[in-house]
Amino acid sequence: MHTNFTKRTIENWQLTPGKVTYHYDTKTRGLALRISKRGLKTFIFYRWLMGKPERINIGRFPELTLEQARG
């Protein structure tokens, strides 16, 4: 799902029982938010490296703010 991230939208996203979900920011290329099966929200950087997808953990929300993750 591609969305312009705001603090409010991130706070309102809920976990999907039994699934890990990913939301992608439309403002910052490669920035995504993963919501785990337990409801933990983690900022990640998603990119392709040598033809394979790579996800790099940046930090958990709300300890890491949206502005810090975009930086």
N, C-alpha and C. Protein backbone atom coordinates (compact mmCIF):
# COMPACT_ATOMS: atom_id res chain seq x y z
N MET A 1 0.85 -1.17 0.00
CA MET A 1 0.00 0.00 0.00
C MET A 1 0.90 1.24 0.00
N HIS A 2 0.68 2.17 -0.91
CA HIS A 2 1.46 3.40 -1.01
C HIS A 2 0.65 4.57 -0.48
N THR A 3 1.23 5.30 0.49
CA THR A 3 0.55 6.39 1.15
C THR A 3 1.56 7.47 1.52
N ASN A 4 1.12 8.71 1.55
CA ASN A 4 1.96 9.78 2.08
C ASN A 4 1.94 9.65 3.60
N PHE A 5 3.08 9.32 4.19
CA PHE A 5 3.14 9.11 5.63
C PHE A 5 2.95 10.41 6.40
N THR A 6 2.13 10.33 7.43
CA THR A 6 2.02 11.39 8.43
C THR A 6 1.99 10.68 9.78
N LYS A 7 2.28 11.42 10.82
CA LYS A 7 2.27 10.83 12.16
C LYS A 7 0.89 10.23 12.46
N ARG A 8 -0.15 10.95 12.09
CA ARG A 8 -1.52 10.50 12.38
C ARG A 8 -1.85 9.20 11.64
N THR A 9 -1.49 9.11 10.35
CA THR A 9 -1.81 7.88 9.60
C THR A 9 -1.06 6.69 10.18
N ILE A 10 0.19 6.89 10.57
CA ILE A 10 0.98 5.80 11.14
C ILE A 10 0.39 5.35 12.46
N GLU A 11 -0.02 6.28 13.29
CA GLU A 11 -0.63 5.93 14.58
C GLU A 11 -1.94 5.18 14.39
N ASN A 12 -2.69 5.49 13.35
CA ASN A 12 -4.00 4.87 13.13
C ASN A 12 -3.95 3.49 12.48
N TRP A 13 -2.82 3.14 11.84
CA TRP A 13 -2.72 1.82 11.23
C TRP A 13 -2.72 0.75 12.30
N GLN A 14 -3.51 -0.29 12.08
CA GLN A 14 -3.63 -1.39 13.03
C GLN A 14 -3.05 -2.66 12.41
N LEU A 15 -2.72 -3.60 13.28
CA LEU A 15 -2.19 -4.86 12.77
C LEU A 15 -3.29 -5.68 12.13
N THR A 16 -2.88 -6.51 11.18
CA THR A 16 -3.79 -7.46 10.55
C THR A 16 -3.49 -8.80 11.20
N PRO A 17 -4.46 -9.40 11.90
CA PRO A 17 -4.19 -10.64 12.63
C PRO A 17 -3.52 -11.71 11.76
N GLY A 18 -2.39 -12.21 12.25
CA GLY A 18 -1.69 -13.29 11.58
C GLY A 18 -0.88 -12.89 10.36
N LYS A 19 -0.77 -11.59 10.08
CA LYS A 19 -0.04 -11.14 8.88
C LYS A 19 0.93 -10.02 9.21
N VAL A 20 2.02 -9.97 8.48
CA VAL A 20 2.93 -8.84 8.50
C VAL A 20 2.54 -7.96 7.33
N THR A 21 2.35 -6.66 7.56
CA THR A 21 1.95 -5.77 6.48
C THR A 21 3.02 -4.70 6.27
N TYR A 22 3.11 -4.23 5.04
CA TYR A 22 4.05 -3.18 4.66
C TYR A 22 3.28 -2.02 4.05
N HIS A 23 3.66 -0.81 4.45
CA HIS A 23 3.11 0.41 3.87
C HIS A 23 4.31 1.20 3.34
N TYR A 24 4.19 1.74 2.14
CA TYR A 24 5.28 2.45 1.49
C TYR A 24 4.96 3.93 1.38
N ASP A 25 5.96 4.76 1.69
CA ASP A 25 5.80 6.21 1.66
C ASP A 25 5.90 6.73 0.23
N THR A 26 4.99 7.62 -0.16
CA THR A 26 5.02 8.19 -1.50
C THR A 26 5.96 9.39 -1.57
N LYS A 27 6.32 9.95 -0.43
CA LYS A 27 7.17 11.15 -0.41
C LYS A 27 8.66 10.81 -0.44
N THR A 28 9.06 9.74 0.25
CA THR A 28 10.47 9.35 0.33
C THR A 28 10.63 7.97 -0.29
N ARG A 29 11.31 7.91 -1.41
CA ARG A 29 11.51 6.65 -2.13
C ARG A 29 12.29 5.66 -1.26
N GLY A 30 11.74 4.46 -1.15
CA GLY A 30 12.39 3.38 -0.40
C GLY A 30 11.98 3.29 1.06
N LEU A 31 11.33 4.32 1.60
CA LEU A 31 10.92 4.28 3.00
C LEU A 31 9.62 3.50 3.14
N ALA A 32 9.60 2.60 4.10
CA ALA A 32 8.41 1.78 4.33
C ALA A 32 8.21 1.59 5.83
N LEU A 33 7.01 1.17 6.19
CA LEU A 33 6.69 0.86 7.57
C LEU A 33 6.16 -0.56 7.61
N ARG A 34 6.79 -1.40 8.43
CA ARG A 34 6.36 -2.78 8.59
C ARG A 34 5.59 -2.88 9.90
N ILE A 35 4.41 -3.50 9.85
CA ILE A 35 3.63 -3.76 11.05
C ILE A 35 3.65 -5.27 11.26
N SER A 36 4.25 -5.68 12.38
CA SER A 36 4.42 -7.11 12.65
C SER A 36 3.12 -7.75 13.12
N LYS A 37 3.16 -9.06 13.27
CA LYS A 37 2.00 -9.80 13.75
C LYS A 37 1.61 -9.38 15.16
N ARG A 38 2.59 -8.86 15.92
CA ARG A 38 2.32 -8.40 17.29
C ARG A 38 1.95 -6.93 17.35
N GLY A 39 1.97 -6.25 16.20
CA GLY A 39 1.59 -4.84 16.15
C GLY A 39 2.74 -3.87 16.26
N LEU A 40 3.99 -4.35 16.27
CA LEU A 40 5.15 -3.46 16.31
C LEU A 40 5.31 -2.76 14.97
N LYS A 41 5.54 -1.46 15.01
CA LYS A 41 5.70 -0.66 13.79
C LYS A 41 7.17 -0.28 13.65
N THR A 42 7.77 -0.72 12.55
CA THR A 42 9.20 -0.50 12.32
C THR A 42 9.40 0.16 10.97
N PHE A 43 10.18 1.25 10.97
CA PHE A 43 10.56 1.89 9.71
C PHE A 43 11.66 1.04 9.08
N ILE A 44 11.53 0.83 7.77
CA ILE A 44 12.56 0.11 7.02
C ILE A 44 12.88 0.88 5.75
N PHE A 45 14.06 0.58 5.21
CA PHE A 45 14.44 1.12 3.91
C PHE A 45 14.47 -0.06 2.95
N TYR A 46 13.72 0.04 1.86
CA TYR A 46 13.57 -1.05 0.90
C TYR A 46 14.26 -0.65 -0.39
N ARG A 47 15.15 -1.53 -0.88
CA ARG A 47 15.83 -1.27 -2.13
C ARG A 47 16.20 -2.59 -2.80
N TRP A 48 16.58 -2.47 -4.06
CA TRP A 48 17.05 -3.62 -4.82
C TRP A 48 18.56 -3.54 -4.91
N LEU A 49 19.24 -4.65 -4.59
CA LEU A 49 20.70 -4.71 -4.64
C LEU A 49 21.10 -5.97 -5.39
N MET A 50 21.77 -5.79 -6.51
CA MET A 50 22.20 -6.90 -7.36
C MET A 50 21.04 -7.81 -7.74
N GLY A 51 19.90 -7.20 -8.06
CA GLY A 51 18.75 -7.94 -8.53
C GLY A 51 17.92 -8.61 -7.45
N LYS A 52 18.27 -8.35 -6.18
CA LYS A 52 17.52 -8.96 -5.07
C LYS A 52 17.00 -7.87 -4.15
N PRO A 53 15.79 -8.07 -3.60
CA PRO A 53 15.26 -7.07 -2.68
C PRO A 53 16.00 -7.10 -1.34
N GLU A 54 16.19 -5.93 -0.75
CA GLU A 54 16.86 -5.82 0.54
C GLU A 54 16.04 -4.88 1.42
N ARG A 55 15.80 -5.30 2.65
CA ARG A 55 15.09 -4.46 3.63
C ARG A 55 16.03 -4.19 4.79
N ILE A 56 16.24 -2.92 5.08
CA ILE A 56 17.14 -2.51 6.16
C ILE A 56 16.30 -1.87 7.25
N ASN A 57 16.38 -2.41 8.47
CA ASN A 57 15.66 -1.83 9.59
C ASN A 57 16.27 -0.49 9.97
N ILE A 58 15.44 0.53 10.11
CA ILE A 58 15.90 1.86 10.52
C ILE A 58 15.63 2.07 12.00
N GLY A 59 14.42 1.76 12.45
CA GLY A 59 14.07 1.93 13.85
C GLY A 59 12.57 1.80 14.05
N ARG A 60 12.19 1.67 15.31
CA ARG A 60 10.77 1.50 15.65
C ARG A 60 10.07 2.83 15.85
N PHE A 61 8.81 2.84 15.44
CA PHE A 61 7.93 3.96 15.68
C PHE A 61 7.24 3.70 17.02
N PRO A 62 7.11 4.61 17.93
CA PRO A 62 7.32 6.06 17.87
C PRO A 62 8.68 6.52 18.39
N GLU A 63 9.56 5.58 18.83
CA GLU A 63 10.88 5.99 19.31
C GLU A 63 11.64 6.77 18.23
N LEU A 64 11.50 6.34 16.99
CA LEU A 64 12.07 7.04 15.84
C LEU A 64 10.94 7.79 15.15
N THR A 65 11.09 9.10 15.02
CA THR A 65 10.03 9.89 14.42
C THR A 65 10.04 9.75 12.89
N LEU A 66 8.95 10.15 12.28
CA LEU A 66 8.85 10.12 10.83
C LEU A 66 9.92 11.00 10.19
N GLU A 67 10.17 12.17 10.77
CA GLU A 67 11.18 13.07 10.22
C GLU A 67 12.58 12.45 10.29
N GLN A 68 12.88 11.75 11.39
CA GLN A 68 14.18 11.09 11.51
C GLN A 68 14.30 9.96 10.50
N ALA A 69 13.24 9.21 10.30
CA ALA A 69 13.27 8.09 9.35
C ALA A 69 13.46 8.61 7.93
N ARG A 70 12.83 9.72 7.60
CA ARG A 70 13.00 10.30 6.25
C ARG A 70 14.40 10.84 6.05
N GLY A 71 15.06 11.25 7.11
CA GLY A 71 16.43 11.78 7.01
C GLY A 71 17.43 10.70 6.77
